[in-house]
Structure formats: C-alpha cells, structure tokens
Amino acid sequence: DPKVKRKIGKRLRQAQLAVHLKAIGDASAAFSRERGRFPYSVDELVQSALLAEPPREPFGGRYEIDPLSGEVRTTSGKKPLTFAGKTAKTGVAKHEFQEQE
C-alpha cells in the first residue's frame, strides 16, 4: 500500500532526525566542556573531530547550532520522533514512538 509506505518512510526520516539531533547535541556539549563555548556550526564539530562527518538532514534541511545556548535545530521545520518511555507496570520500554507536538 503506497500510503503505508509513505508513512513508514516519513517515520524513518523522523527517527534519523532524532538520532542526528542527539549526536550533534552531544558533540556540541562536549565541545562546550572542552572550549568553554558552544560551536558556531556543525562543520566546527567536524573540524574538532567530535563528529566524523556532518549528518545529512533527512528532510533536505540543514542542522544549525545556536552558539549562545547550544540548541540544535533543523531548517526543515520537521519534528523528530520521541521514544514513549517505560511502562509504569513492567518498567519495560515500549516499542512505539510518538511524534512531538
């Protein structure tokens, strides 16, 4: 079914976006600890060897880092998937994801 295929493709790209934002955010925090400031760009993280290469934004945008706060965002305006967390009853992680609102 083409509709299901499109929806799965979108979810996959949202999952990739979440992984990229986390990796860039972690590298940005490490950069800040080492240098006392946040990086100006993803390229600066690559040049400092905290990222192997700049990740390709799955929706065609690009990643930006706010040099004052370290916040990582994408120019595509798309939202990443978020993990639903653990169930209260069992403490076992659910295998479902939810879109951020």
PDB file of N, CA and C in Angstrom:
ATOM      1  N   ASP A   1       0.840  -1.179   0.000  1.00  0.00           N
ATOM      2  CA  ASP A   1       0.000   0.000   0.000  1.00  0.00           C
ATOM      3  C   ASP A   1       0.897   1.259   0.000  1.00  0.00           C
ATOM      4  N   PRO A   2       0.763   2.102  -0.999  1.00  0.00           N
ATOM      5  CA  PRO A   2       1.607   3.294  -1.099  1.00  0.00           C
ATOM      6  C   PRO A   2       1.469   4.256   0.082  1.00  0.00           C
ATOM      7  N   LYS A   3       0.268   4.361   0.633  1.00  0.00           N
ATOM      8  CA  LYS A   3       0.053   5.260   1.767  1.00  0.00           C
ATOM      9  C   LYS A   3       0.848   4.783   2.989  1.00  0.00           C
ATOM     10  N   VAL A   4       0.826   3.509   3.249  1.00  0.00           N
ATOM     11  CA  VAL A   4       1.567   2.939   4.375  1.00  0.00           C
ATOM     12  C   VAL A   4       3.062   3.100   4.146  1.00  0.00           C
ATOM     13  N   LYS A   5       3.483   2.873   2.915  1.00  0.00           N
ATOM     14  CA  LYS A   5       4.904   3.011   2.577  1.00  0.00           C
ATOM     15  C   LYS A   5       5.384   4.449   2.813  1.00  0.00           C
ATOM     16  N   ARG A   6       4.588   5.437   2.415  1.00  0.00           N
ATOM     17  CA  ARG A   6       4.939   6.847   2.634  1.00  0.00           C
ATOM     18  C   ARG A   6       5.022   7.162   4.125  1.00  0.00           C
ATOM     19  N   LYS A   7       4.056   6.640   4.891  1.00  0.00           N
ATOM     20  CA  LYS A   7       4.030   6.901   6.331  1.00  0.00           C
ATOM     21  C   LYS A   7       5.248   6.271   7.012  1.00  0.00           C
ATOM     22  N   ILE A   8       5.600   5.065   6.627  1.00  0.00           N
ATOM     23  CA  ILE A   8       6.777   4.408   7.201  1.00  0.00           C
ATOM     24  C   ILE A   8       8.046   5.164   6.817  1.00  0.00           C
ATOM     25  N   GLY A   9       8.119   5.626   5.577  1.00  0.00           N
ATOM     26  CA  GLY A   9       9.271   6.408   5.130  1.00  0.00           C
ATOM     27  C   GLY A   9       9.418   7.688   5.929  1.00  0.00           C
ATOM     28  N   LYS A  10       8.297   8.351   6.193  1.00  0.00           N
ATOM     29  CA  LYS A  10       8.333   9.586   6.986  1.00  0.00           C
ATOM     30  C   LYS A  10       8.797   9.293   8.406  1.00  0.00           C
ATOM     31  N   ARG A  11       8.281   8.230   8.996  1.00  0.00           N
ATOM     32  CA  ARG A  11       8.679   7.863  10.366  1.00  0.00           C
ATOM     33  C   ARG A  11      10.172   7.525  10.427  1.00  0.00           C
ATOM     34  N   LEU A  12      10.658   6.848   9.410  1.00  0.00           N
ATOM     35  CA  LEU A  12      12.080   6.513   9.366  1.00  0.00           C
ATOM     36  C   LEU A  12      12.928   7.792   9.320  1.00  0.00           C
ATOM     37  N   ARG A  13      12.525   8.741   8.481  1.00  0.00           N
ATOM     38  CA  ARG A  13      13.261  10.010   8.406  1.00  0.00           C
ATOM     39  C   ARG A  13      13.174  10.769   9.733  1.00  0.00           C
ATOM     40  N   GLN A  14      12.014  10.705  10.403  1.00  0.00           N
ATOM     41  CA  GLN A  14      11.887  11.361  11.706  1.00  0.00           C
ATOM     42  C   GLN A  14      12.795  10.691  12.743  1.00  0.00           C
ATOM     43  N   ALA A  15      12.937   9.378  12.659  1.00  0.00           N
ATOM     44  CA  ALA A  15      13.841   8.659  13.566  1.00  0.00           C
ATOM     45  C   ALA A  15      15.292   9.049  13.285  1.00  0.00           C
ATOM     46  N   GLN A  16      15.651   9.146  12.000  1.00  0.00           N
ATOM     47  CA  GLN A  16      17.005   9.584  11.632  1.00  0.00           C
ATOM     48  C   GLN A  16      17.258  10.990  12.156  1.00  0.00           C
ATOM     49  N   LEU A  17      16.279  11.850  12.035  1.00  0.00           N
ATOM     50  CA  LEU A  17      16.387  13.223  12.523  1.00  0.00           C
ATOM     51  C   LEU A  17      16.653  13.227  14.030  1.00  0.00           C
ATOM     52  N   ALA A  18      15.932  12.402  14.770  1.00  0.00           N
ATOM     53  CA  ALA A  18      16.128  12.320  16.223  1.00  0.00           C
ATOM     54  C   ALA A  18      17.545  11.868  16.566  1.00  0.00           C
ATOM     55  N   VAL A  19      18.043  10.873  15.851  1.00  0.00           N
ATOM     56  CA  VAL A  19      19.400  10.370  16.093  1.00  0.00           C
ATOM     57  C   VAL A  19      20.430  11.452  15.783  1.00  0.00           C
ATOM     58  N   HIS A  20      20.250  12.158  14.673  1.00  0.00           N
ATOM     59  CA  HIS A  20      21.188  13.222  14.302  1.00  0.00           C
ATOM     60  C   HIS A  20      21.182  14.358  15.323  1.00  0.00           C
ATOM     61  N   LEU A  21      19.989  14.800  15.739  1.00  0.00           N
ATOM     62  CA  LEU A  21      19.898  15.897  16.701  1.00  0.00           C
ATOM     63  C   LEU A  21      20.578  15.520  18.016  1.00  0.00           C
ATOM     64  N   LYS A  22      20.403  14.273  18.441  1.00  0.00           N
ATOM     65  CA  LYS A  22      21.052  13.805  19.677  1.00  0.00           C
ATOM     66  C   LYS A  22      22.566  13.779  19.516  1.00  0.00           C
ATOM     67  N   ALA A  23      23.059  13.248  18.406  1.00  0.00           N
ATOM     68  CA  ALA A  23      24.506  13.168  18.180  1.00  0.00           C
ATOM     69  C   ALA A  23      25.135  14.553  18.110  1.00  0.00           C
ATOM     70  N   ILE A  24      24.488  15.467  17.399  1.00  0.00           N
ATOM     71  CA  ILE A  24      25.016  16.834  17.288  1.00  0.00           C
ATOM     72  C   ILE A  24      24.961  17.524  18.653  1.00  0.00           C
ATOM     73  N   GLY A  25      23.866  17.328  19.380  1.00  0.00           N
ATOM     74  CA  GLY A  25      23.736  17.917  20.706  1.00  0.00           C
ATOM     75  C   GLY A  25      24.801  17.410  21.669  1.00  0.00           C
ATOM     76  N   ASP A  26      25.071  16.106  21.630  1.00  0.00           N
ATOM     77  CA  ASP A  26      26.115  15.538  22.491  1.00  0.00           C
ATOM     78  C   ASP A  26      27.487  16.088  22.113  1.00  0.00           C
ATOM     79  N   ALA A  27      27.759  16.178  20.816  1.00  0.00           N
ATOM     80  CA  ALA A  27      29.048  16.712  20.354  1.00  0.00           C
ATOM     81  C   ALA A  27      29.178  18.187  20.724  1.00  0.00           C
ATOM     82  N   SER A  28      28.082  18.924  20.629  1.00  0.00           N
ATOM     83  CA  SER A  28      28.082  20.339  20.984  1.00  0.00           C
ATOM     84  C   SER A  28      28.371  20.526  22.468  1.00  0.00           C
ATOM     85  N   ALA A  29      27.786  19.673  23.308  1.00  0.00           N
ATOM     86  CA  ALA A  29      28.031  19.746  24.751  1.00  0.00           C
ATOM     87  C   ALA A  29      29.491  19.411  25.070  1.00  0.00           C
ATOM     88  N   ALA A  30      30.040  18.410  24.388  1.00  0.00           N
ATOM     89  CA  ALA A  30      31.456  18.051  24.598  1.00  0.00           C
ATOM     90  C   ALA A  30      32.359  19.205  24.166  1.00  0.00           C
ATOM     91  N   PHE A  31      32.037  19.819  23.043  1.00  0.00           N
ATOM     92  CA  PHE A  31      32.793  20.975  22.550  1.00  0.00           C
ATOM     93  C   PHE A  31      32.773  22.086  23.602  1.00  0.00           C
ATOM     94  N   SER A  32      31.605  22.340  24.176  1.00  0.00           N
ATOM     95  CA  SER A  32      31.459  23.392  25.174  1.00  0.00           C
ATOM     96  C   SER A  32      32.292  23.097  26.422  1.00  0.00           C
ATOM     97  N   ARG A  33      32.308  21.837  26.849  1.00  0.00           N
ATOM     98  CA  ARG A  33      33.117  21.469  28.016  1.00  0.00           C
ATOM     99  C   ARG A  33      34.605  21.664  27.742  1.00  0.00           C
ATOM    100  N   GLU A  34      35.027  21.354  26.517  1.00  0.00           N
ATOM    101  CA  GLU A  34      36.441  21.463  26.158  1.00  0.00           C
ATOM    102  C   GLU A  34      36.885  22.911  25.921  1.00  0.00           C
ATOM    103  N   ARG A  35      36.008  23.704  25.313  1.00  0.00           N
ATOM    104  CA  ARG A  35      36.423  25.037  24.872  1.00  0.00           C
ATOM    105  C   ARG A  35      35.759  26.202  25.576  1.00  0.00           C
ATOM    106  N   GLY A  36      34.793  25.907  26.424  1.00  0.00           N
ATOM    107  CA  GLY A  36      34.142  26.972  27.174  1.00  0.00           C
ATOM    108  C   GLY A  36      33.136  27.787  26.378  1.00  0.00           C
ATOM    109  N   ARG A  37      32.747  27.303  25.229  1.00  0.00           N
ATOM    110  CA  ARG A  37      31.721  27.959  24.406  1.00  0.00           C
ATOM    111  C   ARG A  37      31.092  26.907  23.508  1.00  0.00           C
ATOM    112  N   PHE A  38      29.928  27.240  22.968  1.00  0.00           N
ATOM    113  CA  PHE A  38      29.288  26.324  22.025  1.00  0.00           C
ATOM    114  C   PHE A  38      29.841  26.554  20.626  1.00  0.00           C
ATOM    115  N   PRO A  39      29.788  25.541  19.778  1.00  0.00           N
ATOM    116  CA  PRO A  39      30.278  25.707  18.405  1.00  0.00           C
ATOM    117  C   PRO A  39      29.352  26.614  17.600  1.00  0.00           C
ATOM    118  N   TYR A  40      29.920  27.203  16.570  1.00  0.00           N
ATOM    119  CA  TYR A  40      29.135  28.061  15.677  1.00  0.00           C
ATOM    120  C   TYR A  40      28.412  27.263  14.597  1.00  0.00           C
ATOM    121  N   SER A  41      28.890  26.045  14.334  1.00  0.00           N
ATOM    122  CA  SER A  41      28.294  25.253  13.258  1.00  0.00           C
ATOM    123  C   SER A  41      28.620  23.779  13.430  1.00  0.00           C
ATOM    124  N   VAL A  42      27.916  22.960  12.690  1.00  0.00           N
ATOM    125  CA  VAL A  42      28.197  21.526  12.652  1.00  0.00           C
ATOM    126  C   VAL A  42      29.586  21.303  12.060  1.00  0.00           C
ATOM    127  N   ASP A  43      29.968  22.109  11.086  1.00  0.00           N
ATOM    128  CA  ASP A  43      31.299  21.969  10.484  1.00  0.00           C
ATOM    129  C   ASP A  43      32.403  22.151  11.531  1.00  0.00           C
ATOM    130  N   GLU A  44      32.179  23.035  12.492  1.00  0.00           N
ATOM    131  CA  GLU A  44      33.172  23.234  13.545  1.00  0.00           C
ATOM    132  C   GLU A  44      33.314  21.966  14.403  1.00  0.00           C
ATOM    133  N   LEU A  45      32.222  21.232  14.574  1.00  0.00           N
ATOM    134  CA  LEU A  45      32.286  19.965  15.306  1.00  0.00           C
ATOM    135  C   LEU A  45      33.073  18.918  14.523  1.00  0.00           C
ATOM    136  N   VAL A  46      32.920  18.920  13.208  1.00  0.00           N
ATOM    137  CA  VAL A  46      33.671  18.001  12.354  1.00  0.00           C
ATOM    138  C   VAL A  46      35.155  18.359  12.395  1.00  0.00           C
ATOM    139  N   GLN A  47      35.463  19.644  12.268  1.00  0.00           N
ATOM    140  CA  GLN A  47      36.863  20.095  12.296  1.00  0.00           C
ATOM    141  C   GLN A  47      37.545  19.781  13.623  1.00  0.00           C
ATOM    142  N   SER A  48      36.776  19.766  14.709  1.00  0.00           N
ATOM    143  CA  SER A  48      37.353  19.459  16.016  1.00  0.00           C
ATOM    144  C   SER A  48      37.327  17.957  16.320  1.00  0.00           C
ATOM    145  N   ALA A  49      36.934  17.144  15.350  1.00  0.00           N
ATOM    146  CA  ALA A  49      36.900  15.671  15.445  1.00  0.00           C
ATOM    147  C   ALA A  49      35.866  15.145  16.438  1.00  0.00           C
ATOM    148  N   LEU A  50      34.855  15.951  16.764  1.00  0.00           N
ATOM    149  CA  LEU A  50      33.781  15.477  17.633  1.00  0.00           C
ATOM    150  C   LEU A  50      32.658  14.817  16.841  1.00  0.00           C
ATOM    151  N   LEU A  51      32.613  15.087  15.555  1.00  0.00           N
ATOM    152  CA  LEU A  51      31.729  14.384  14.615  1.00  0.00           C
ATOM    153  C   LEU A  51      32.595  13.930  13.446  1.00  0.00           C
ATOM    154  N   ALA A  52      32.358  12.712  12.973  1.00  0.00           N
ATOM    155  CA  ALA A  52      33.150  12.194  11.851  1.00  0.00           C
ATOM    156  C   ALA A  52      32.832  12.945  10.560  1.00  0.00           C
ATOM    157  N   GLU A  53      31.561  13.245  10.359  1.00  0.00           N
ATOM    158  CA  GLU A  53      31.126  13.986   9.171  1.00  0.00           C
ATOM    159  C   GLU A  53      29.799  14.656   9.479  1.00  0.00           C
ATOM    160  N   PRO A  54      29.457  15.692   8.741  1.00  0.00           N
ATOM    161  CA  PRO A  54      28.163  16.340   9.005  1.00  0.00           C
ATOM    162  C   PRO A  54      27.027  15.425   8.562  1.00  0.00           C
ATOM    163  N   PRO A  55      26.070  15.139   9.446  1.00  0.00           N
ATOM    164  CA  PRO A  55      24.960  14.284   9.041  1.00  0.00           C
ATOM    165  C   PRO A  55      24.081  14.972   8.003  1.00  0.00           C
ATOM    166  N   ARG A  56      23.551  14.188   7.103  1.00  0.00           N
ATOM    167  CA  ARG A  56      22.647  14.704   6.066  1.00  0.00           C
ATOM    168  C   ARG A  56      21.234  14.759   6.638  1.00  0.00           C
ATOM    169  N   GLU A  57      20.662  15.925   6.675  1.00  0.00           N
ATOM    170  CA  GLU A  57      19.322  16.102   7.227  1.00  0.00           C
ATOM    171  C   GLU A  57      18.340  15.350   6.328  1.00  0.00           C
ATOM    172  N   PRO A  58      17.558  14.403   6.879  1.00  0.00           N
ATOM    173  CA  PRO A  58      16.727  13.532   6.043  1.00  0.00           C
ATOM    174  C   PRO A  58      15.570  14.205   5.315  1.00  0.00           C
ATOM    175  N   PHE A  59      15.214  15.421   5.684  1.00  0.00           N
ATOM    176  CA  PHE A  59      14.120  16.122   5.009  1.00  0.00           C
ATOM    177  C   PHE A  59      14.632  17.213   4.071  1.00  0.00           C
ATOM    178  N   GLY A  60      15.947  17.270   3.872  1.00  0.00           N
ATOM    179  CA  GLY A  60      16.513  18.233   2.933  1.00  0.00           C
ATOM    180  C   GLY A  60      16.934  19.550   3.553  1.00  0.00           C
ATOM    181  N   GLY A  61      16.737  19.708   4.847  1.00  0.00           N
ATOM    182  CA  GLY A  61      17.164  20.932   5.525  1.00  0.00           C
ATOM    183  C   GLY A  61      18.634  20.830   5.909  1.00  0.00           C
ATOM    184  N   ARG A  62      19.020  21.673   6.834  1.00  0.00           N
ATOM    185  CA  ARG A  62      20.381  21.586   7.375  1.00  0.00           C
ATOM    186  C   ARG A  62      20.297  21.809   8.878  1.00  0.00           C
ATOM    187  N   TYR A  63      21.299  21.335   9.579  1.00  0.00           N
ATOM    188  CA  TYR A  63      21.336  21.468  11.027  1.00  0.00           C
ATOM    189  C   TYR A  63      22.052  22.754  11.403  1.00  0.00           C
ATOM    190  N   GLU A  64      21.523  23.429  12.417  1.00  0.00           N
ATOM    191  CA  GLU A  64      22.120  24.655  12.921  1.00  0.00           C
ATOM    192  C   GLU A  64      22.284  24.529  14.430  1.00  0.00           C
ATOM    193  N   ILE A  65      23.314  25.191  14.945  1.00  0.00           N
ATOM    194  CA  ILE A  65      23.557  25.221  16.387  1.00  0.00           C
ATOM    195  C   ILE A  65      23.520  26.677  16.835  1.00  0.00           C
ATOM    196  N   ASP A  66      22.734  26.944  17.860  1.00  0.00           N
ATOM    197  CA  ASP A  66      22.701  28.290  18.432  1.00  0.00           C
ATOM    198  C   ASP A  66      23.976  28.447  19.268  1.00  0.00           C
ATOM    199  N   PRO A  67      24.887  29.349  18.870  1.00  0.00           N
ATOM    200  CA  PRO A  67      26.152  29.473  19.587  1.00  0.00           C
ATOM    201  C   PRO A  67      26.016  30.038  21.006  1.00  0.00           C
ATOM    202  N   LEU A  68      24.858  30.590  21.348  1.00  0.00           N
ATOM    203  CA  LEU A  68      24.652  31.114  22.703  1.00  0.00           C
ATOM    204  C   LEU A  68      24.112  30.050  23.660  1.00  0.00           C
ATOM    205  N   SER A  69      23.205  29.198  23.161  1.00  0.00           N
ATOM    206  CA  SER A  69      22.576  28.203  24.031  1.00  0.00           C
ATOM    207  C   SER A  69      23.022  26.771  23.746  1.00  0.00           C
ATOM    208  N   GLY A  70      23.582  26.546  22.560  1.00  0.00           N
ATOM    209  CA  GLY A  70      23.952  25.189  22.163  1.00  0.00           C
ATOM    210  C   GLY A  70      22.787  24.392  21.607  1.00  0.00           C
ATOM    211  N   GLU A  71      21.616  25.010  21.509  1.00  0.00           N
ATOM    212  CA  GLU A  71      20.441  24.315  20.987  1.00  0.00           C
ATOM    213  C   GLU A  71      20.664  23.934  19.525  1.00  0.00           C
ATOM    214  N   VAL A  72      20.324  22.697  19.207  1.00  0.00           N
ATOM    215  CA  VAL A  72      20.457  22.190  17.838  1.00  0.00           C
ATOM    216  C   VAL A  72      19.074  22.156  17.217  1.00  0.00           C
ATOM    217  N   ARG A  73      18.970  22.636  15.988  1.00  0.00           N
ATOM    218  CA  ARG A  73      17.680  22.634  15.281  1.00  0.00           C
ATOM    219  C   ARG A  73      17.915  22.346  13.810  1.00  0.00           C
ATOM    220  N   THR A  74      16.824  22.105  13.128  1.00  0.00           N
ATOM    221  CA  THR A  74      16.883  21.862  11.691  1.00  0.00           C
ATOM    222  C   THR A  74      16.110  22.948  10.962  1.00  0.00           C
ATOM    223  N   THR A  75      16.575  23.293   9.784  1.00  0.00           N
ATOM    224  CA  THR A  75      15.880  24.314   8.997  1.00  0.00           C
ATOM    225  C   THR A  75      14.658  23.749   8.282  1.00  0.00           C
ATOM    226  N   SER A  76      14.498  22.419   8.275  1.00  0.00           N
ATOM    227  CA  SER A  76      13.352  21.824   7.583  1.00  0.00           C
ATOM    228  C   SER A  76      12.050  22.047   8.341  1.00  0.00           C
ATOM    229  N   GLY A  77      12.141  22.325   9.636  1.00  0.00           N
ATOM    230  CA  GLY A  77      10.930  22.512  10.431  1.00  0.00           C
ATOM    231  C   GLY A  77      10.252  21.207  10.814  1.00  0.00           C
ATOM    232  N   LYS A  78      10.817  20.083  10.445  1.00  0.00           N
ATOM    233  CA  LYS A  78      10.223  18.784  10.770  1.00  0.00           C
ATOM    234  C   LYS A  78      10.542  18.415  12.209  1.00  0.00           C
ATOM    235  N   LYS A  79       9.674  17.630  12.815  1.00  0.00           N
ATOM    236  CA  LYS A  79       9.836  17.196  14.201  1.00  0.00           C
ATOM    237  C   LYS A  79      10.376  15.767  14.237  1.00  0.00           C
ATOM    238  N   PRO A  80      11.290  15.501  15.161  1.00  0.00           N
ATOM    239  CA  PRO A  80      11.805  14.137  15.306  1.00  0.00           C
ATOM    240  C   PRO A  80      10.815  13.248  16.050  1.00  0.00           C
ATOM    241  N   LEU A  81      11.007  11.947  15.957  1.00  0.00           N
ATOM    242  CA  LEU A  81      10.241  11.025  16.779  1.00  0.00           C
ATOM    243  C   LEU A  81      10.794  11.080  18.194  1.00  0.00           C
ATOM    244  N   THR A  82       9.935  10.800  19.161  1.00  0.00           N
ATOM    245  CA  THR A  82      10.392  10.700  20.539  1.00  0.00           C
ATOM    246  C   THR A  82      10.015   9.328  21.062  1.00  0.00           C
ATOM    247  N   PHE A  83      10.854   8.785  21.905  1.00  0.00           N
ATOM    248  CA  PHE A  83      10.608   7.479  22.488  1.00  0.00           C
ATOM    249  C   PHE A  83       9.540   7.616  23.552  1.00  0.00           C
ATOM    250  N   ALA A  84       8.583   6.696  23.582  1.00  0.00           N
ATOM    251  CA  ALA A  84       7.459   6.789  24.514  1.00  0.00           C
ATOM    252  C   ALA A  84       7.870   6.511  25.955  1.00  0.00           C
ATOM    253  N   GLY A  85       8.986   5.833  26.180  1.00  0.00           N
ATOM    254  CA  GLY A  85       9.453   5.599  27.548  1.00  0.00           C
ATOM    255  C   GLY A  85       9.130   4.221  28.059  1.00  0.00           C
ATOM    256  N   LYS A  86       9.147   4.076  29.370  1.00  0.00           N
ATOM    257  CA  LYS A  86       8.902   2.781  30.005  1.00  0.00           C
ATOM    258  C   LYS A  86       7.478   2.724  30.532  1.00  0.00           C
ATOM    259  N   THR A  87       6.944   1.520  30.572  1.00  0.00           N
ATOM    260  CA  THR A  87       5.607   1.362  31.122  1.00  0.00           C
ATOM    261  C   THR A  87       5.688   1.397  32.641  1.00  0.00           C
ATOM    262  N   ALA A  88       4.679   1.919  33.270  1.00  0.00           N
ATOM    263  CA  ALA A  88       4.666   2.016  34.733  1.00  0.00           C
ATOM    264  C   ALA A  88       4.558   0.630  35.370  1.00  0.00           C
ATOM    265  N   LYS A  89       3.844  -0.277  34.711  1.00  0.00           N
ATOM    266  CA  LYS A  89       3.604  -1.597  35.260  1.00  0.00           C
ATOM    267  C   LYS A  89       4.860  -2.470  35.261  1.00  0.00           C
ATOM    268  N   THR A  90       5.501  -2.571  34.125  1.00  0.00           N
ATOM    269  CA  THR A  90       6.604  -3.524  33.984  1.00  0.00           C
ATOM    270  C   THR A  90       7.980  -2.881  33.979  1.00  0.00           C
ATOM    271  N   GLY A  91       8.055  -1.587  33.662  1.00  0.00           N
ATOM    272  CA  GLY A  91       9.355  -0.943  33.539  1.00  0.00           C
ATOM    273  C   GLY A  91      10.062  -1.301  32.252  1.00  0.00           C
ATOM    274  N   VAL A  92       9.384  -2.045  31.386  1.00  0.00           N
ATOM    275  CA  VAL A  92       9.964  -2.438  30.104  1.00  0.00           C
ATOM    276  C   VAL A  92       9.670  -1.355  29.078  1.00  0.00           C
ATOM    277  N   ALA A  93      10.659  -1.035  28.278  1.00  0.00           N
ATOM    278  CA  ALA A  93      10.482   0.023  27.279  1.00  0.00           C
ATOM    279  C   ALA A  93       9.448  -0.398  26.242  1.00  0.00           C
ATOM    280  N   LYS A  94       8.577   0.512  25.901  1.00  0.00           N
ATOM    281  CA  LYS A  94       7.602   0.272  24.842  1.00  0.00           C
ATOM    282  C   LYS A  94       8.308   0.316  23.497  1.00  0.00           C
ATOM    283  N   HIS A  95       7.773  -0.358  22.547  1.00  0.00           N
ATOM    284  CA  HIS A  95       8.342  -0.359  21.196  1.00  0.00           C
ATOM    285  C   HIS A  95       7.488   0.492  20.270  1.00  0.00           C
ATOM    286  N   GLU A  96       7.159   1.668  20.752  1.00  0.00           N
ATOM    287  CA  GLU A  96       6.402   2.577  19.906  1.00  0.00           C
ATOM    288  C   GLU A  96       6.970   3.971  20.048  1.00  0.00           C
ATOM    289  N   PHE A  97       6.771   4.739  19.040  1.00  0.00           N
ATOM    290  CA  PHE A  97       7.266   6.099  19.020  1.00  0.00           C
ATOM    291  C   PHE A  97       6.086   7.039  18.806  1.00  0.00           C
ATOM    292  N   GLN A  98       6.275   8.261  19.252  1.00  0.00           N
ATOM    293  CA  GLN A  98       5.247   9.265  19.067  1.00  0.00           C
ATOM    294  C   GLN A  98       5.866  10.501  18.454  1.00  0.00           C
ATOM    295  N   GLU A  99       5.129  11.180  17.613  1.00  0.00           N
ATOM    296  CA  GLU A  99       5.607  12.443  17.064  1.00  0.00           C
ATOM    297  C   GLU A  99       5.535  13.496  18.146  1.00  0.00           C
ATOM    298  N   GLN A 100       6.526  14.383  18.142  1.00  0.00           N
ATOM    299  CA  GLN A 100       6.451  15.521  19.061  1.00  0.00           C
ATOM    300  C   GLN A 100       5.357  16.445  18.567  1.00  0.00           C
ATOM    301  N   GLU A 101       4.689  17.050  19.491  1.00  0.00           N
ATOM    302  CA  GLU A 101       3.631  18.003  19.124  1.00  0.00           C
ATOM    303  C   GLU A 101       4.230  19.338  18.821  1.00  0.00           C
TER     304      GLU A 101
END
